[in-house]
């Protein structure tokens, strides 16, 4: 179970590279009744001087869920200030019908002491790769939360042969915004200051009621309802083979992908480190 030799993990490595990069390119779209983000927002995510707030984001995903049998919206808790936390599960209609079975397989494979080697190989052949992508962890890093709308639409509607293979072999668990309270504050402040001399000024208050900006530092202690919800989803309910937690840099503009420089944490299993390197290599190959 240490080396990434089983089918779902290898498929997931390739699929993640495709998912992250393909969303920025034109698609061959089917299912014209499925709304594009611009149909709900009135603009395309990423347009200059536009920023979707959390309420708009949630409304778009509600409509996507209603229009597409490939998308299922799950409410998974409440934020600190009482906003809905949700994930979108995106895969083929056939996979949705067997979702409980695939989650069971992922859990058994994650508990590596339970199945024998032969059983693990059989489960891996039967299962699907579960890929988790989350966005909006730090509220000021707005690009990936806005991008999540385009990614969801692309995976749900693209009828290219490549994306069909991904939907058939991958279950995408997408959390479009981990920090909804912060996104609301950022969007509100931006709209109040855009096209004024104060457009690029920092907010005079924090993004999160209790932990300020660095809410990811809470994952060692789980004092916040948001980190509790994400940890429950990752380690008890979905057990994904790949977890992609997005961050956004500022200046200078650059893209960071694995493999990361030494030294590695010696407490992390070598198979996990190698898996991360393979994902990074797939992303780099796709860029090239």
Protein backbone atom coordinates (compact mmCIF):
# COMPACT_ATOMS: atom_id res chain seq x y z
CA UNK A 1 0.00 0.00 0.00
CA UNK A 2 2.99 2.33 0.11
CA UNK A 3 3.78 2.69 -3.58
CA UNK A 4 1.14 4.39 -5.78
CA UNK A 5 0.61 1.30 -7.92
CA UNK A 6 -3.16 0.84 -7.69
CA UNK A 7 -5.40 1.99 -10.51
CA UNK A 8 -7.46 4.73 -8.83
CA UNK A 9 -4.44 6.63 -7.56
CA UNK A 10 -2.73 6.60 -10.96
CA UNK A 11 -5.95 7.73 -12.63
CA UNK A 12 -6.38 10.44 -10.01
CA UNK A 13 -2.87 11.83 -10.66
CA UNK A 14 -3.64 12.30 -14.32
CA UNK A 15 -7.17 13.51 -13.71
CA UNK A 16 -6.16 16.20 -11.23
CA UNK A 17 -3.74 17.69 -13.73
CA UNK A 18 -6.48 17.77 -16.34
CA UNK A 19 -9.09 19.24 -13.98
CA UNK A 20 -6.91 22.09 -12.76
CA UNK A 21 -5.69 23.20 -16.16
CA UNK A 22 -8.63 22.36 -18.41
CA UNK A 23 -11.03 24.70 -16.65
CA UNK A 24 -9.25 27.70 -18.16
CA UNK A 25 -9.60 26.48 -21.75
CA UNK A 26 -12.59 26.40 -24.11
CA UNK A 27 -14.71 23.27 -23.87
CA UNK A 28 -16.89 21.24 -26.16
CA UNK A 29 -20.03 21.65 -24.10
CA UNK A 30 -23.14 19.55 -23.99
CA UNK A 31 -26.24 19.90 -21.87
CA UNK A 32 -27.05 23.45 -22.91
CA UNK A 33 -29.74 23.70 -20.22
CA UNK A 34 -27.03 23.59 -17.57
CA UNK A 35 -26.32 27.21 -16.58
CA UNK A 36 -22.92 28.79 -17.05
CA UNK A 37 -21.72 30.90 -14.10
CA UNK A 38 -22.24 34.07 -16.12
CA UNK A 39 -25.94 33.19 -16.46
CA UNK A 40 -26.33 33.38 -12.69
CA UNK A 41 -23.73 35.99 -11.72
CA UNK A 42 -24.15 38.36 -14.64
CA UNK A 43 -20.42 38.16 -15.32
CA UNK A 44 -17.79 35.47 -15.89
CA UNK A 45 -15.65 34.67 -12.83
CA UNK A 46 -12.31 36.35 -13.31
CA UNK A 47 -13.69 39.40 -15.13
CA UNK A 48 -12.04 42.65 -14.13
CA UNK A 49 -13.67 44.53 -11.24
CA UNK A 50 -16.04 41.65 -10.46
CA UNK A 51 -16.10 39.36 -7.44
CA UNK A 52 -18.79 36.79 -6.66
CA UNK A 53 -19.79 36.64 -3.01
CA UNK A 54 -20.68 33.46 -1.15
CA UNK A 55 -24.42 33.89 -1.61
CA UNK A 56 -23.98 34.09 -5.38
CA UNK A 57 -21.67 31.09 -5.31
CA UNK A 58 -24.18 29.00 -3.39
CA UNK A 59 -27.01 30.02 -5.72
CA UNK A 60 -25.00 28.95 -8.75
CA UNK A 61 -24.27 25.53 -7.28
CA UNK A 62 -27.95 25.09 -6.37
CA UNK A 63 -28.88 25.67 -9.99
CA UNK A 64 -26.11 23.42 -11.25
CA UNK A 65 -27.33 20.65 -8.95
CA UNK A 66 -30.92 21.10 -10.17
CA UNK A 67 -29.92 21.06 -13.84
CA UNK A 68 -27.36 18.25 -13.99
CA UNK A 69 -27.55 14.61 -12.93
CA UNK A 70 -23.74 14.69 -12.72
CA UNK A 71 -23.75 17.12 -9.80
CA UNK A 72 -24.92 16.54 -6.24
CA UNK A 73 -24.87 19.33 -3.68
CA UNK A 74 -24.38 18.24 -0.05
CA UNK A 75 -24.76 20.55 2.94
CA UNK A 76 -22.03 19.55 5.39
CA UNK A 77 -22.35 22.01 8.26
CA UNK A 78 -22.51 25.67 9.21
CA UNK A 79 -19.81 28.32 9.26
CA UNK A 80 -18.92 30.28 12.39
CA UNK A 81 -21.54 32.89 11.48
CA UNK A 82 -24.17 30.38 10.40
CA UNK A 83 -23.71 30.18 6.64
CA UNK A 84 -24.14 26.83 4.90
CA UNK A 85 -21.00 24.84 4.23
CA UNK A 86 -21.40 22.66 1.16
CA UNK A 87 -19.59 20.38 -1.24
CA UNK A 88 -20.40 19.50 -4.84
CA UNK A 89 -19.88 15.88 -5.84
CA UNK A 90 -19.34 15.72 -9.61
CA UNK A 91 -19.02 12.48 -11.56
CA UNK A 92 -20.95 10.41 -14.10
CA UNK A 93 -24.59 9.53 -13.50
CA UNK A 94 -23.63 5.85 -13.25
CA UNK A 95 -21.06 6.59 -10.54
CA UNK A 96 -23.62 8.60 -8.60
CA UNK A 97 -25.84 5.52 -8.47
CA UNK A 98 -23.01 3.53 -6.81
CA UNK A 99 -21.54 6.33 -4.73
CA UNK A 100 -21.97 4.55 -1.40
CA UNK A 101 -20.08 1.52 -2.71
CA UNK A 102 -17.19 3.63 -3.97
CA UNK A 103 -16.95 5.43 -0.65
CA UNK A 104 -16.85 2.07 1.10
CA UNK A 105 -14.02 0.93 -1.18
CA UNK A 106 -12.03 4.11 -0.51
CA UNK A 107 -12.43 3.62 3.22
CA UNK A 108 -11.30 0.00 3.11
CA UNK A 109 -8.25 0.88 1.02
CA UNK A 110 -7.37 3.74 3.36
CA UNK A 111 -7.48 1.35 6.34
CA UNK A 112 -4.54 -0.54 4.86
CA UNK A 113 -4.41 -3.22 7.55
CA UNK A 114 -7.88 -4.51 6.76
CA UNK A 115 -7.75 -5.93 3.18
CA UNK A 116 -5.16 -8.41 2.06
CA UNK A 117 -2.95 -7.52 -0.89
CA UNK A 118 -5.18 -9.53 -3.22
CA UNK A 119 -8.33 -7.93 -1.83
CA UNK A 120 -6.79 -4.47 -2.11
CA UNK A 121 -5.95 -5.03 -5.78
CA UNK A 122 -9.52 -6.19 -6.47
CA UNK A 123 -11.01 -3.22 -4.62
CA UNK A 124 -8.75 -0.82 -6.51
CA UNK A 125 -9.87 -2.26 -9.83
CA UNK A 126 -13.53 -1.93 -8.85
CA UNK A 127 -13.28 1.48 -7.24
CA UNK A 128 -13.06 4.99 -8.60
CA UNK A 129 -10.46 7.62 -7.82
CA UNK A 130 -11.80 10.14 -5.32
CA UNK A 131 -10.21 13.58 -5.78
CA UNK A 132 -10.86 16.36 -3.27
CA UNK A 133 -10.31 19.97 -4.36
CA UNK A 134 -11.06 22.84 -2.01
CA UNK A 135 -10.93 26.59 -2.54
CA UNK A 136 -11.29 29.80 -0.58
CA UNK A 137 -9.40 28.71 2.53
CA UNK A 138 -7.87 32.17 2.98
CA UNK A 139 -10.58 34.65 2.11
CA UNK A 140 -8.22 37.24 0.66
CA UNK A 141 -7.00 34.64 -1.86
CA UNK A 142 -10.03 35.03 -4.09
CA UNK A 143 -8.90 33.50 -7.39
CA UNK A 144 -9.43 29.82 -6.62
CA UNK A 145 -12.87 30.35 -5.05
CA UNK A 146 -13.97 32.21 -8.20
CA UNK A 147 -12.33 29.51 -10.34
CA UNK A 148 -14.34 26.79 -8.56
CA UNK A 149 -17.49 27.95 -10.37
CA UNK A 150 -15.85 27.49 -13.77
CA UNK A 151 -14.30 24.17 -12.78
CA UNK A 152 -17.65 22.74 -11.66
CA UNK A 153 -19.35 23.83 -14.87
CA UNK A 154 -16.57 22.40 -17.03
CA UNK A 155 -16.50 19.00 -15.35
CA UNK A 156 -20.30 18.76 -15.43
CA UNK A 157 -20.79 19.78 -19.08
CA UNK A 158 -17.65 19.17 -21.13
CA UNK A 159 -18.39 16.38 -23.63
CA UNK A 160 -14.82 15.88 -24.83
CA UNK A 161 -13.54 12.31 -24.80
CA UNK A 162 -11.02 13.25 -22.13
CA UNK A 163 -13.55 14.71 -19.71
CA UNK A 164 -15.91 11.79 -20.23
CA UNK A 165 -13.09 9.46 -19.17
CA UNK A 166 -12.53 11.62 -16.11
CA UNK A 167 -16.21 11.55 -15.13
CA UNK A 168 -16.29 7.79 -15.63
CA UNK A 169 -13.17 7.13 -13.52
CA UNK A 170 -13.04 10.00 -11.03
CA UNK A 171 -15.37 11.25 -8.30
CA UNK A 172 -14.61 14.93 -7.80
CA UNK A 173 -15.48 16.22 -4.33
CA UNK A 174 -15.31 19.99 -4.69
CA UNK A 175 -15.58 22.39 -1.74
CA UNK A 176 -15.82 25.77 -3.48
CA UNK A 177 -15.21 27.85 -0.37
CA UNK A 178 -13.88 26.74 3.00
CA UNK A 179 -14.24 30.22 4.54
CA UNK A 180 -17.63 31.67 3.51
CA UNK A 181 -17.72 34.32 6.24
CA UNK A 182 -14.40 35.72 5.06
CA UNK A 183 -15.43 35.68 1.39
CA UNK A 184 -18.52 37.72 2.24
CA UNK A 185 -16.38 40.31 4.02
CA UNK A 186 -13.84 40.50 1.20
CA UNK A 187 -16.49 40.81 -1.51
CA UNK A 188 -18.37 43.48 0.44
CA UNK A 189 -15.20 45.52 1.07
CA UNK A 190 -14.13 45.25 -2.56
CA UNK A 191 -17.49 46.45 -3.83
CA UNK A 192 -17.42 49.39 -1.45
CA UNK A 193 -13.97 50.50 -2.57
CA UNK A 194 -13.72 49.42 -6.22
CA UNK A 195 -12.98 52.27 -8.64
CA UNK A 196 -12.17 54.58 -5.74
CA UNK A 197 -8.77 55.73 -4.43
CA UNK A 198 -9.14 53.04 -1.74
CA UNK A 199 -9.64 50.09 -4.10
CA UNK A 200 -6.47 48.23 -3.09
CA UNK A 201 -6.58 49.13 0.59
CA UNK A 202 -6.67 46.33 3.14
CA UNK A 203 -9.84 45.66 5.10
CA UNK A 204 -9.87 47.29 8.55
CA UNK A 205 -11.09 44.05 10.14
CA UNK A 206 -10.20 40.35 10.11
CA UNK A 207 -11.63 37.74 7.77
CA UNK A 208 -12.65 35.18 10.40
CA UNK A 209 -14.33 36.00 13.69
CA UNK A 210 -11.91 33.99 15.83
CA UNK A 211 -8.80 33.01 13.90
CA UNK A 212 -8.19 35.98 11.64
CA UNK A 213 -6.40 35.05 8.44
CA UNK A 214 -4.51 31.82 9.11
CA UNK A 215 -7.45 29.50 9.69
CA UNK A 216 -5.43 26.59 8.27
CA UNK A 217 -3.26 26.71 11.40
CA UNK A 218 -6.27 25.29 13.25
CA UNK A 219 -5.98 21.86 11.62
CA UNK A 220 -3.70 20.60 14.38
CA UNK A 221 -6.29 21.48 17.05
CA UNK A 222 -9.71 21.67 15.32
CA UNK A 223 -11.19 24.47 17.42
CA UNK A 224 -13.26 25.91 14.54
CA UNK A 225 -16.44 24.52 13.00
CA UNK A 226 -15.02 24.92 9.48
CA UNK A 227 -11.91 22.84 10.16
CA UNK A 228 -14.00 20.27 12.02
CA UNK A 229 -16.31 19.89 9.02
CA UNK A 230 -13.45 19.54 6.52
CA UNK A 231 -11.60 17.03 8.69
CA UNK A 232 -14.74 14.92 9.09
CA UNK A 233 -15.25 14.88 5.32
CA UNK A 234 -11.64 14.00 4.54
CA UNK A 235 -10.84 11.43 7.19
CA UNK A 236 -14.17 9.80 8.01
CA UNK A 237 -16.62 10.24 5.14
CA UNK A 238 -14.72 10.37 1.81
CA UNK A 239 -11.10 9.23 2.33
CA UNK A 240 -9.94 10.69 -1.03
CA UNK A 241 -6.80 9.40 -2.73
CA UNK A 242 -5.80 12.97 -3.59
CA UNK A 243 -6.39 16.13 -1.54
CA UNK A 244 -5.65 19.37 -3.37
CA UNK A 245 -5.83 22.40 -1.08
CA UNK A 246 -5.43 25.57 -3.11
CA UNK A 247 -3.56 28.68 -2.04
CA UNK A 248 -2.89 31.88 -3.96
CA UNK A 249 0.33 33.84 -3.95
CA UNK A 250 0.58 37.53 -4.60
CA UNK A 251 3.87 39.07 -5.79
CA UNK A 252 5.67 38.09 -7.87
CA UNK A 253 3.25 35.96 -9.87
CA UNK A 254 4.33 32.33 -10.02
CA UNK A 255 2.94 28.80 -9.84
CA UNK A 256 4.20 26.28 -7.32
CA UNK A 257 3.79 22.56 -7.98
CA UNK A 258 5.52 19.51 -6.48
CA UNK A 259 8.05 18.01 -6.15
CA UNK A 260 8.92 20.19 -3.18
CA UNK A 261 12.49 20.74 -1.93
CA UNK A 262 14.07 18.69 0.82
CA UNK A 263 13.94 18.10 3.69
CA UNK A 264 10.64 16.26 3.99
CA UNK A 265 8.93 15.64 7.29
CA UNK A 266 10.26 12.22 8.35
CA UNK A 267 6.90 11.43 9.96
CA UNK A 268 5.15 11.40 6.59
CA UNK A 269 5.02 8.01 4.92
CA UNK A 270 7.39 7.75 1.96
CA UNK A 271 4.55 6.51 -0.25
CA UNK A 272 2.59 9.70 0.44
CA UNK A 273 5.59 11.86 -0.45
CA UNK A 274 6.13 9.91 -3.66
CA UNK A 275 2.44 10.22 -4.52
CA UNK A 276 2.66 14.01 -4.16
CA UNK A 277 5.67 14.04 -6.48
CA UNK A 278 3.79 12.03 -9.10
CA UNK A 279 0.84 14.42 -8.97
CA UNK A 280 3.20 17.36 -9.41
CA UNK A 281 4.91 15.67 -12.34
CA UNK A 282 1.52 15.09 -14.00
CA UNK A 283 0.59 18.76 -13.56
CA UNK A 284 3.94 19.92 -14.95
CA UNK A 285 3.64 17.57 -17.91
CA UNK A 286 0.19 18.91 -18.65
CA UNK A 287 1.44 22.51 -18.55
CA UNK A 288 4.29 21.65 -20.89
